Amino acid sequence: MQLIVLWDVDHTLIDNAGVSKEIYAGAFTALTGIQPAQPASTEGRTDRLIMRDMFRRHRLPEPNWPTVEAALARAGEERLGDLRRRGAALPGVRDALKATSVQSGWVSSVLTGNIAANAHVKLSAFGLDPLLDLPVGAYGADAERRPDLVAVARERVQRGRGLPSGVPVVLVGDTPRDVEAALATGSGIIAVATGIHSQAELAAAGASVVLPDLSDTAGLLALLRIFAARENVPGRP
């Protein structure tokens, strides 16, 4: 059985302890010379949209994306030490990633609103990066809308790892936007209530599977195997 598992990063795999918002603020200040009037609004959005919103709220012109991405990468690298000191891998995550990474025929990567450089910073801070196939993941520079990242990851997995187009995809994430991305693309969803959204909120968003966290490795693998066993249906993405 083959399967593509795509994990969200912030509040699904790690607790960034507020460092993520500091990265956006640092990048904004580096580009504008002023402190943002309020923290970035994140909640599952891509870095492209998060930074665009910050510029619009301050009635400032948005620099070209390569300039913004470079500022974000510098701000993330500068805060690696803060993240290590204040943040943490969430309960069960290390065991979950280890178990998923050794399953025959499975590709385990990320689907995250973070740019690739900052996703790597956040995962490497807690030694999680070797447990994920990061080159075939989808990141916040790849598209503005989260659902569009699913196609990016699918294509990278197919080209880079040789999996056929009909392999099931499962997203694992903590926000209604993760659920939306799965439902919009015909992907499976395992929602985890390790962020600001409750299990009830995630279920109301449409998630058929909602976990309190990722601490039950055996239970998580059993759920993923159910998704892997689903046959490709004509017309399904």
C-alpha atoms as a PDB file:
ATOM      1  CA  MET A   1       0.000   0.000   0.000  1.00  0.00           C
ATOM      2  CA  GLN A   2       1.273   3.435  -0.920  1.00  0.00           C
ATOM      3  CA  LEU A   3       0.487   6.705   0.828  1.00  0.00           C
ATOM      4  CA  ILE A   4       1.582  10.351   0.887  1.00  0.00           C
ATOM      5  CA  VAL A   5       1.434  11.868   4.366  1.00  0.00           C
ATOM      6  CA  LEU A   6       1.793  15.655   4.537  1.00  0.00           C
ATOM      7  CA  TRP A   7       2.271  17.202   7.968  1.00  0.00           C
ATOM      8  CA  ASP A   8       1.654  20.786   8.978  1.00  0.00           C
ATOM      9  CA  VAL A   9       4.507  22.226  11.087  1.00  0.00           C
ATOM     10  CA  ASP A  10       3.426  24.907  13.582  1.00  0.00           C
ATOM     11  CA  HIS A  11       1.172  23.609  16.370  1.00  0.00           C
ATOM     12  CA  THR A  12       0.965  20.191  14.686  1.00  0.00           C
ATOM     13  CA  LEU A  13       4.575  19.039  14.963  1.00  0.00           C
ATOM     14  CA  ILE A  14       6.049  21.822  17.103  1.00  0.00           C
ATOM     15  CA  ASP A  15       5.100  24.507  19.599  1.00  0.00           C
ATOM     16  CA  ASN A  16       6.938  27.585  18.347  1.00  0.00           C
ATOM     17  CA  ALA A  17       6.284  29.506  21.596  1.00  0.00           C
ATOM     18  CA  GLY A  18       5.548  32.753  19.786  1.00  0.00           C
ATOM     19  CA  VAL A  19       8.783  32.736  17.775  1.00  0.00           C
ATOM     20  CA  SER A  20       6.860  32.414  14.523  1.00  0.00           C
ATOM     21  CA  LYS A  21       5.132  35.771  15.000  1.00  0.00           C
ATOM     22  CA  GLU A  22       8.491  37.268  15.950  1.00  0.00           C
ATOM     23  CA  ILE A  23       9.887  36.072  12.622  1.00  0.00           C
ATOM     24  CA  TYR A  24       7.152  37.893  10.709  1.00  0.00           C
ATOM     25  CA  ALA A  25       7.649  41.017  12.799  1.00  0.00           C
ATOM     26  CA  GLY A  26      11.413  40.873  12.305  1.00  0.00           C
ATOM     27  CA  ALA A  27      11.099  40.481   8.549  1.00  0.00           C
ATOM     28  CA  PHE A  28       8.578  43.330   8.370  1.00  0.00           C
ATOM     29  CA  THR A  29      10.811  45.653  10.377  1.00  0.00           C
ATOM     30  CA  ALA A  30      13.848  44.755   8.296  1.00  0.00           C
ATOM     31  CA  LEU A  31      11.945  45.691   5.137  1.00  0.00           C
ATOM     32  CA  THR A  32      10.204  48.829   6.391  1.00  0.00           C
ATOM     33  CA  GLY A  33      12.221  50.203   9.282  1.00  0.00           C
ATOM     34  CA  ILE A  34       9.173  50.225  11.575  1.00  0.00           C
ATOM     35  CA  GLN A  35       7.701  47.825  14.119  1.00  0.00           C
ATOM     36  CA  PRO A  36       4.358  46.262  13.138  1.00  0.00           C
ATOM     37  CA  ALA A  37       1.382  47.767  14.955  1.00  0.00           C
ATOM     38  CA  GLN A  38       0.060  44.293  15.794  1.00  0.00           C
ATOM     39  CA  PRO A  39       1.179  40.671  15.480  1.00  0.00           C
ATOM     40  CA  ALA A  40       0.811  38.816  12.195  1.00  0.00           C
ATOM     41  CA  SER A  41      -2.414  36.904  11.692  1.00  0.00           C
ATOM     42  CA  THR A  42      -1.447  33.332  10.840  1.00  0.00           C
ATOM     43  CA  GLU A  43      -3.796  30.366  11.573  1.00  0.00           C
ATOM     44  CA  GLY A  44      -2.839  28.153   8.661  1.00  0.00           C
ATOM     45  CA  ARG A  45      -2.298  30.833   6.038  1.00  0.00           C
ATOM     46  CA  THR A  46       0.728  30.881   3.749  1.00  0.00           C
ATOM     47  CA  ASP A  47       3.668  33.217   4.287  1.00  0.00           C
ATOM     48  CA  ARG A  48       2.778  35.022   1.061  1.00  0.00           C
ATOM     49  CA  LEU A  49      -0.645  35.983   2.419  1.00  0.00           C
ATOM     50  CA  ILE A  50       0.568  36.686   5.953  1.00  0.00           C
ATOM     51  CA  MET A  51       3.182  39.182   4.810  1.00  0.00           C
ATOM     52  CA  ARG A  52       0.890  40.767   2.216  1.00  0.00           C
ATOM     53  CA  ASP A  53      -1.697  41.358   4.917  1.00  0.00           C
ATOM     54  CA  MET A  54       0.893  43.044   7.143  1.00  0.00           C
ATOM     55  CA  PHE A  55       1.839  45.499   4.410  1.00  0.00           C
ATOM     56  CA  ARG A  56      -1.779  46.238   3.555  1.00  0.00           C
ATOM     57  CA  ARG A  57      -2.745  46.840   7.194  1.00  0.00           C
ATOM     58  CA  HIS A  58       0.052  49.375   7.442  1.00  0.00           C
ATOM     59  CA  ARG A  59      -0.855  50.944   4.074  1.00  0.00           C
ATOM     60  CA  LEU A  60       2.621  50.252   2.735  1.00  0.00           C
ATOM     61  CA  PRO A  61       3.614  48.969  -0.709  1.00  0.00           C
ATOM     62  CA  GLU A  62       4.488  45.292  -0.783  1.00  0.00           C
ATOM     63  CA  PRO A  63       8.047  44.549  -1.953  1.00  0.00           C
ATOM     64  CA  ASN A  64       8.555  41.886  -4.595  1.00  0.00           C
ATOM     65  CA  TRP A  65       8.242  38.359  -3.251  1.00  0.00           C
ATOM     66  CA  PRO A  66      11.939  37.315  -3.507  1.00  0.00           C
ATOM     67  CA  THR A  67      12.817  40.292  -1.299  1.00  0.00           C
ATOM     68  CA  VAL A  68      10.143  39.357   1.250  1.00  0.00           C
ATOM     69  CA  GLU A  69      11.173  35.693   1.227  1.00  0.00           C
ATOM     70  CA  ALA A  70      14.823  36.589   1.811  1.00  0.00           C
ATOM     71  CA  ALA A  71      13.851  38.772   4.777  1.00  0.00           C
ATOM     72  CA  LEU A  72      11.756  35.960   6.239  1.00  0.00           C
ATOM     73  CA  ALA A  73      14.622  33.498   5.840  1.00  0.00           C
ATOM     74  CA  ARG A  74      17.062  35.833   7.601  1.00  0.00           C
ATOM     75  CA  ALA A  75      14.610  36.463  10.426  1.00  0.00           C
ATOM     76  CA  GLY A  76      14.046  32.734  10.861  1.00  0.00           C
ATOM     77  CA  GLU A  77      17.727  31.885  10.930  1.00  0.00           C
ATOM     78  CA  GLU A  78      18.376  34.625  13.484  1.00  0.00           C
ATOM     79  CA  ARG A  79      15.769  33.129  15.838  1.00  0.00           C
ATOM     80  CA  LEU A  80      16.848  29.493  15.736  1.00  0.00           C
ATOM     81  CA  GLY A  81      18.364  29.785  19.215  1.00  0.00           C
ATOM     82  CA  ASP A  82      15.207  31.365  20.631  1.00  0.00           C
ATOM     83  CA  LEU A  83      13.125  28.574  19.148  1.00  0.00           C
ATOM     84  CA  ARG A  84      15.342  25.893  20.680  1.00  0.00           C
ATOM     85  CA  ARG A  85      15.182  27.539  24.106  1.00  0.00           C
ATOM     86  CA  ARG A  86      11.472  28.318  24.204  1.00  0.00           C
ATOM     87  CA  GLY A  87       9.770  25.887  21.837  1.00  0.00           C
ATOM     88  CA  ALA A  88       9.333  22.118  21.782  1.00  0.00           C
ATOM     89  CA  ALA A  89       8.318  19.170  19.663  1.00  0.00           C
ATOM     90  CA  LEU A  90       4.722  18.313  20.549  1.00  0.00           C
ATOM     91  CA  PRO A  91       3.748  15.098  22.378  1.00  0.00           C
ATOM     92  CA  GLY A  92       4.247  11.933  20.358  1.00  0.00           C
ATOM     93  CA  VAL A  93       5.546  13.725  17.280  1.00  0.00           C
ATOM     94  CA  ARG A  94       9.011  12.191  17.193  1.00  0.00           C
ATOM     95  CA  ASP A  95       7.664   8.648  17.483  1.00  0.00           C
ATOM     96  CA  ALA A  96       4.913   9.360  14.947  1.00  0.00           C
ATOM     97  CA  LEU A  97       7.384  10.666  12.383  1.00  0.00           C
ATOM     98  CA  LYS A  98       9.796   7.801  12.972  1.00  0.00           C
ATOM     99  CA  ALA A  99       7.058   5.212  12.547  1.00  0.00           C
ATOM    100  CA  THR A 100       5.700   6.839   9.408  1.00  0.00           C
ATOM    101  CA  SER A 101       9.120   7.264   7.806  1.00  0.00           C
ATOM    102  CA  VAL A 102       9.845   3.523   7.797  1.00  0.00           C
ATOM    103  CA  GLN A 103       6.588   2.366   6.222  1.00  0.00           C
ATOM    104  CA  SER A 104       7.217   0.702   2.880  1.00  0.00           C
ATOM    105  CA  GLY A 105       5.711   2.623  -0.025  1.00  0.00           C
ATOM    106  CA  TRP A 106       4.892   5.715   2.044  1.00  0.00           C
ATOM    107  CA  VAL A 107       6.259   9.224   1.558  1.00  0.00           C
ATOM    108  CA  SER A 108       6.143  11.418   4.652  1.00  0.00           C
ATOM    109  CA  SER A 109       6.735  15.124   4.071  1.00  0.00           C
ATOM    110  CA  VAL A 110       5.261  18.517   4.951  1.00  0.00           C
ATOM    111  CA  LEU A 111       2.556  20.848   3.708  1.00  0.00           C
ATOM    112  CA  THR A 112       3.078  24.139   5.475  1.00  0.00           C
ATOM    113  CA  GLY A 113       2.495  27.857   5.087  1.00  0.00           C
ATOM    114  CA  ASN A 114       6.126  28.458   6.077  1.00  0.00           C
ATOM    115  CA  ILE A 115       8.722  29.128   3.416  1.00  0.00           C
ATOM    116  CA  ALA A 116      11.035  26.136   3.016  1.00  0.00           C
ATOM    117  CA  ALA A 117      13.948  27.790   4.834  1.00  0.00           C
ATOM    118  CA  ASN A 118      11.887  28.501   7.940  1.00  0.00           C
ATOM    119  CA  ALA A 119      10.186  25.122   7.918  1.00  0.00           C
ATOM    120  CA  HIS A 120      13.675  23.617   8.041  1.00  0.00           C
ATOM    121  CA  VAL A 121      14.699  25.969  10.868  1.00  0.00           C
ATOM    122  CA  LYS A 122      11.661  25.010  12.926  1.00  0.00           C
ATOM    123  CA  LEU A 123      12.047  21.264  12.372  1.00  0.00           C
ATOM    124  CA  SER A 124      15.826  21.190  12.779  1.00  0.00           C
ATOM    125  CA  ALA A 125      15.545  23.060  16.083  1.00  0.00           C
ATOM    126  CA  PHE A 126      14.180  19.833  17.566  1.00  0.00           C
ATOM    127  CA  GLY A 127      15.945  17.288  15.361  1.00  0.00           C
ATOM    128  CA  LEU A 128      12.828  16.411  13.376  1.00  0.00           C
ATOM    129  CA  ASP A 129      14.131  17.245   9.894  1.00  0.00           C
ATOM    130  CA  PRO A 130      15.833  13.862   9.229  1.00  0.00           C
ATOM    131  CA  LEU A 131      12.487  12.130   9.832  1.00  0.00           C
ATOM    132  CA  LEU A 132      10.767  13.889   6.916  1.00  0.00           C
ATOM    133  CA  ASP A 133      11.290  13.874   3.147  1.00  0.00           C
ATOM    134  CA  LEU A 134      11.528  17.657   2.953  1.00  0.00           C
ATOM    135  CA  PRO A 135      12.557  18.074  -0.725  1.00  0.00           C
ATOM    136  CA  VAL A 136       9.143  16.834  -1.899  1.00  0.00           C
ATOM    137  CA  GLY A 137       7.081  18.941   0.515  1.00  0.00           C
ATOM    138  CA  ALA A 138       5.015  22.036  -0.280  1.00  0.00           C
ATOM    139  CA  TYR A 139       5.773  25.408   1.265  1.00  0.00           C
ATOM    140  CA  GLY A 140       4.457  28.925   1.685  1.00  0.00           C
ATOM    141  CA  ALA A 141       6.393  30.273  -1.299  1.00  0.00           C
ATOM    142  CA  ASP A 142       4.829  27.725  -3.637  1.00  0.00           C
ATOM    143  CA  ALA A 143       1.271  29.108  -3.669  1.00  0.00           C
ATOM    144  CA  GLU A 144      -0.910  31.663  -1.929  1.00  0.00           C
ATOM    145  CA  ARG A 145      -3.779  29.338  -1.006  1.00  0.00           C
ATOM    146  CA  ARG A 146      -3.226  26.273   1.109  1.00  0.00           C
ATOM    147  CA  PRO A 147      -5.320  23.920  -1.060  1.00  0.00           C
ATOM    148  CA  ASP A 148      -3.046  24.710  -4.021  1.00  0.00           C
ATOM    149  CA  LEU A 149      -0.075  23.353  -2.063  1.00  0.00           C
ATOM    150  CA  VAL A 150      -1.505  19.825  -2.268  1.00  0.00           C
ATOM    151  CA  ALA A 151      -0.983  19.672  -6.037  1.00  0.00           C
ATOM    152  CA  VAL A 152       2.559  21.001  -5.575  1.00  0.00           C
ATOM    153  CA  ALA A 153       3.416  18.214  -3.147  1.00  0.00           C
ATOM    154  CA  ARG A 154       1.733  15.567  -5.309  1.00  0.00           C
ATOM    155  CA  GLU A 155       3.782  16.578  -8.339  1.00  0.00           C
ATOM    156  CA  ARG A 156       7.046  16.667  -6.375  1.00  0.00           C
ATOM    157  CA  VAL A 157       6.407  13.220  -4.917  1.00  0.00           C
ATOM    158  CA  GLN A 158       5.523  11.775  -8.308  1.00  0.00           C
ATOM    159  CA  ARG A 159       8.597  13.237  -9.993  1.00  0.00           C
ATOM    160  CA  GLY A 160      11.027  12.815  -7.136  1.00  0.00           C
ATOM    161  CA  ARG A 161       9.930   9.498  -5.649  1.00  0.00           C
ATOM    162  CA  GLY A 162       8.211   7.769  -8.542  1.00  0.00           C
ATOM    163  CA  LEU A 163       4.819   7.298  -6.928  1.00  0.00           C
ATOM    164  CA  PRO A 164       1.881   7.149  -9.369  1.00  0.00           C
ATOM    165  CA  SER A 165      -0.766   9.857  -9.547  1.00  0.00           C
ATOM    166  CA  GLY A 166      -3.500   7.883  -7.806  1.00  0.00           C
ATOM    167  CA  VAL A 167      -1.706   7.385  -4.482  1.00  0.00           C
ATOM    168  CA  PRO A 168      -3.884   8.623  -1.592  1.00  0.00           C
ATOM    169  CA  VAL A 169      -2.821  11.791   0.211  1.00  0.00           C
ATOM    170  CA  VAL A 170      -3.476  12.509   3.885  1.00  0.00           C
ATOM    171  CA  LEU A 171      -2.980  15.896   5.513  1.00  0.00           C
ATOM    172  CA  VAL A 172      -2.261  16.143   9.230  1.00  0.00           C
ATOM    173  CA  GLY A 173      -2.910  19.584  10.692  1.00  0.00           C
ATOM    174  CA  ASP A 174      -4.395  21.661  13.481  1.00  0.00           C
ATOM    175  CA  THR A 175      -6.495  24.341  11.770  1.00  0.00           C
ATOM    176  CA  PRO A 176      -9.731  24.546   9.775  1.00  0.00           C
ATOM    177  CA  ARG A 177      -7.573  25.632   6.813  1.00  0.00           C
ATOM    178  CA  ASP A 178      -5.849  22.241   6.899  1.00  0.00           C
ATOM    179  CA  VAL A 179      -9.272  20.622   6.821  1.00  0.00           C
ATOM    180  CA  GLU A 180     -10.375  22.908   3.984  1.00  0.00           C
ATOM    181  CA  ALA A 181      -7.280  22.029   1.955  1.00  0.00           C
ATOM    182  CA  ALA A 182      -7.972  18.318   2.343  1.00  0.00           C
ATOM    183  CA  LEU A 183     -11.659  18.550   1.480  1.00  0.00           C
ATOM    184  CA  ALA A 184     -11.010  20.796  -1.528  1.00  0.00           C
ATOM    185  CA  THR A 185      -8.481  18.374  -3.019  1.00  0.00           C
ATOM    186  CA  GLY A 186      -9.986  14.990  -2.241  1.00  0.00           C
ATOM    187  CA  SER A 187      -7.301  14.258   0.340  1.00  0.00           C
ATOM    188  CA  GLY A 188      -7.735  12.552   3.665  1.00  0.00           C
ATOM    189  CA  ILE A 189      -7.486  14.606   6.834  1.00  0.00           C
ATOM    190  CA  ILE A 190      -6.362  13.832  10.352  1.00  0.00           C
ATOM    191  CA  ALA A 191      -6.947  16.934  12.448  1.00  0.00           C
ATOM    192  CA  VAL A 192      -5.178  17.401  15.775  1.00  0.00           C
ATOM    193  CA  ALA A 193      -6.349  19.777  18.486  1.00  0.00           C
ATOM    194  CA  THR A 194      -2.854  20.886  19.492  1.00  0.00           C
ATOM    195  CA  GLY A 195      -3.294  24.480  18.329  1.00  0.00           C
ATOM    196  CA  ILE A 196      -5.929  27.060  19.204  1.00  0.00           C
ATOM    197  CA  HIS A 197      -8.831  25.115  17.684  1.00  0.00           C
ATOM    198  CA  SER A 198     -10.751  22.569  19.730  1.00  0.00           C
ATOM    199  CA  GLN A 199     -11.703  19.084  18.605  1.00  0.00           C
ATOM    200  CA  ALA A 200     -15.290  20.301  18.206  1.00  0.00           C
ATOM    201  CA  GLU A 201     -14.200  23.203  15.987  1.00  0.00           C
ATOM    202  CA  LEU A 202     -12.127  20.935  13.771  1.00  0.00           C
ATOM    203  CA  ALA A 203     -14.972  18.450  13.456  1.00  0.00           C
ATOM    204  CA  ALA A 204     -17.351  21.286  12.574  1.00  0.00           C
ATOM    205  CA  ALA A 205     -14.931  22.332   9.828  1.00  0.00           C
ATOM    206  CA  GLY A 206     -15.429  18.919   8.251  1.00  0.00           C
ATOM    207  CA  ALA A 207     -12.705  16.691   9.685  1.00  0.00           C
ATOM    208  CA  SER A 208     -13.977  13.139  10.105  1.00  0.00           C
ATOM    209  CA  VAL A 209     -10.939  12.207  12.217  1.00  0.00           C
ATOM    210  CA  VAL A 210      -9.899  14.511  15.059  1.00  0.00           C
ATOM    211  CA  LEU A 211      -7.260  13.586  17.635  1.00  0.00           C
ATOM    212  CA  PRO A 212      -6.350  15.377  20.856  1.00  0.00           C
ATOM    213  CA  ASP A 213      -2.655  15.075  19.898  1.00  0.00           C
ATOM    214  CA  LEU A 214      -0.228  12.676  18.194  1.00  0.00           C
ATOM    215  CA  SER A 215       0.784  10.708  21.268  1.00  0.00           C
ATOM    216  CA  ASP A 216      -0.916   7.429  20.237  1.00  0.00           C
ATOM    217  CA  THR A 217       1.519   6.201  17.588  1.00  0.00           C
ATOM    218  CA  ALA A 218      -0.156   2.834  17.065  1.00  0.00           C
ATOM    219  CA  GLY A 219      -3.572   4.435  16.722  1.00  0.00           C
ATOM    220  CA  LEU A 220      -2.252   7.021  14.274  1.00  0.00           C
ATOM    221  CA  LEU A 221      -0.613   4.351  12.109  1.00  0.00           C
ATOM    222  CA  ALA A 222      -3.844   2.367  12.078  1.00  0.00           C
ATOM    223  CA  LEU A 223      -5.716   5.432  10.810  1.00  0.00           C
ATOM    224  CA  LEU A 224      -3.109   6.104   8.143  1.00  0.00           C
ATOM    225  CA  ARG A 225      -3.268   2.489   6.951  1.00  0.00           C
ATOM    226  CA  ILE A 226      -7.016   2.881   6.461  1.00  0.00           C
ATOM    227  CA  PHE A 227      -6.337   5.823   4.133  1.00  0.00           C
ATOM    228  CA  ALA A 228      -3.587   3.886   2.358  1.00  0.00           C
ATOM    229  CA  ALA A 229      -5.950   0.983   1.727  1.00  0.00           C
ATOM    230  CA  ARG A 230      -8.424   3.139  -0.173  1.00  0.00           C
ATOM    231  CA  GLU A 231      -8.444   2.312  -3.849  1.00  0.00           C
ATOM    232  CA  ASN A 232      -8.034   5.058  -6.396  1.00  0.00           C
ATOM    233  CA  VAL A 233     -11.459   6.044  -7.698  1.00  0.00           C
ATOM    234  CA  PRO A 234     -11.714   7.520 -11.238  1.00  0.00           C
ATOM    235  CA  GLY A 235     -12.132  11.256 -10.915  1.00  0.00           C
ATOM    236  CA  ARG A 236     -10.635  11.454  -7.448  1.00  0.00           C
ATOM    237  CA  PRO A 237      -7.665  13.848  -7.323  1.00  0.00           C
END
